[in-house]
């Protein structure tokens, strides 16, 4: 009877070790996937931050204009921009709308 309990105890230890090992492997896989997602998000954040910091400020845009384009760029009134659409072989000219709700 003593042998039976010792054998049962050893098998239960082996079984519980296998369960714990599989659980930790699954958790390690989930952690790896999350770290990869975080790495991708950090890369996107850095690119977006770089774009925001250097390309969205008006001072930087004016510096780039003066540095690279000299007098090639001209100012244009945004209200004068029109759109050209083709419907049923007819051409329509309309005002440019900035809000999707205005169309």
Protein backbone atom coordinates (compact mmCIF):
# COMPACT_ATOMS: atom_id res chain seq x y z
CA UNK A 1 0.00 0.00 0.00
CA UNK A 2 2.90 2.31 0.79
CA UNK A 3 4.35 1.71 -2.71
CA UNK A 4 1.01 2.65 -4.24
CA UNK A 5 0.90 6.03 -2.46
CA UNK A 6 4.53 6.78 -3.33
CA UNK A 7 3.88 5.91 -6.98
CA UNK A 8 0.69 7.98 -6.97
CA UNK A 9 2.57 10.88 -5.39
CA UNK A 10 5.35 10.71 -8.03
CA UNK A 11 2.84 10.62 -10.90
CA UNK A 12 0.92 13.54 -9.42
CA UNK A 13 4.19 15.51 -9.18
CA UNK A 14 5.03 14.68 -12.80
CA UNK A 15 1.52 15.63 -13.90
CA UNK A 16 1.51 18.91 -11.98
CA UNK A 17 4.99 19.74 -13.31
CA UNK A 18 3.78 19.20 -16.88
CA UNK A 19 0.76 21.44 -16.28
CA UNK A 20 2.90 24.21 -14.77
CA UNK A 21 5.44 23.90 -17.58
CA UNK A 22 2.76 24.16 -20.28
CA UNK A 23 1.17 27.12 -18.53
CA UNK A 24 4.45 29.01 -18.25
CA UNK A 25 5.24 28.25 -21.91
CA UNK A 26 1.87 29.68 -22.94
CA UNK A 27 2.40 32.75 -20.76
CA UNK A 28 5.91 33.21 -22.21
CA UNK A 29 4.45 33.07 -25.72
CA UNK A 30 1.84 35.69 -24.82
CA UNK A 31 4.53 37.91 -23.30
CA UNK A 32 6.61 37.59 -26.47
CA UNK A 33 3.65 38.57 -28.66
CA UNK A 34 2.89 41.55 -26.42
CA UNK A 35 6.52 42.70 -26.48
CA UNK A 36 6.54 42.50 -30.28
CA UNK A 37 3.33 44.54 -30.44
CA UNK A 38 4.80 47.11 -28.06
CA UNK A 39 7.96 47.29 -30.18
CA UNK A 40 5.89 47.97 -33.31
CA UNK A 41 3.81 50.58 -31.49
CA UNK A 42 6.94 52.31 -30.18
CA UNK A 43 8.34 52.45 -33.70
CA UNK A 44 5.10 53.96 -35.02
CA UNK A 45 5.03 56.40 -32.11
CA UNK A 46 8.60 57.52 -32.79
CA UNK A 47 7.85 58.05 -36.48
CA UNK A 48 4.68 59.97 -35.70
CA UNK A 49 6.42 62.07 -33.09
CA UNK A 50 9.25 62.84 -35.51
CA UNK A 51 6.74 63.88 -38.14
CA UNK A 52 4.84 66.02 -35.66
CA UNK A 53 7.93 67.67 -34.19
CA UNK A 54 9.73 68.46 -37.43
CA UNK A 55 7.18 68.59 -40.19
CA UNK A 56 4.04 70.00 -38.64
CA UNK A 57 5.40 73.20 -37.14
CA UNK A 58 4.99 76.21 -39.38
CA UNK A 59 8.46 77.50 -38.55
CA UNK A 60 10.05 74.28 -39.78
CA UNK A 61 7.93 74.27 -42.93
CA UNK A 62 8.97 77.83 -43.71
CA UNK A 63 12.61 76.92 -43.08
CA UNK A 64 12.33 73.95 -45.44
CA UNK A 65 10.66 76.14 -48.05
CA UNK A 66 13.46 78.70 -47.88
CA UNK A 67 16.16 76.04 -47.76
CA UNK A 68 15.00 73.74 -50.56
CA UNK A 69 12.55 75.63 -52.77
CA UNK A 70 13.70 79.26 -52.62
CA UNK A 71 11.11 81.12 -54.71
CA UNK A 72 9.57 78.12 -56.46
CA UNK A 73 6.57 77.95 -54.13
CA UNK A 74 3.81 80.54 -54.22
CA UNK A 75 0.98 81.23 -51.83
CA UNK A 76 -2.48 80.40 -53.08
CA UNK A 77 -5.85 81.29 -51.62
CA UNK A 78 -7.38 78.07 -50.38
CA UNK A 79 -10.91 79.32 -51.11
CA UNK A 80 -10.10 79.44 -54.84
CA UNK A 81 -9.30 75.73 -55.07
CA UNK A 82 -11.94 73.85 -57.05
CA UNK A 83 -12.63 70.22 -57.75
CA UNK A 84 -13.28 68.59 -61.09
CA UNK A 85 -15.51 65.52 -61.15
CA UNK A 86 -16.67 63.41 -64.05
CA UNK A 87 -20.18 61.97 -63.94
CA UNK A 88 -21.79 60.25 -66.90
CA UNK A 89 -19.27 61.78 -69.34
CA UNK A 90 -20.03 65.25 -68.00
CA UNK A 91 -17.47 67.38 -66.21
CA UNK A 92 -18.55 69.26 -63.10
CA UNK A 93 -16.50 71.96 -61.41
CA UNK A 94 -17.23 72.62 -57.76
CA UNK A 95 -15.81 74.13 -54.62
CA UNK A 96 -13.39 72.14 -52.53
CA UNK A 97 -14.94 71.10 -49.23
CA UNK A 98 -12.83 70.26 -46.21
CA UNK A 99 -15.58 68.53 -44.26
CA UNK A 100 -17.12 65.31 -45.54
CA UNK A 101 -20.51 66.53 -44.27
CA UNK A 102 -20.54 69.50 -46.65
CA UNK A 103 -20.64 67.38 -49.80
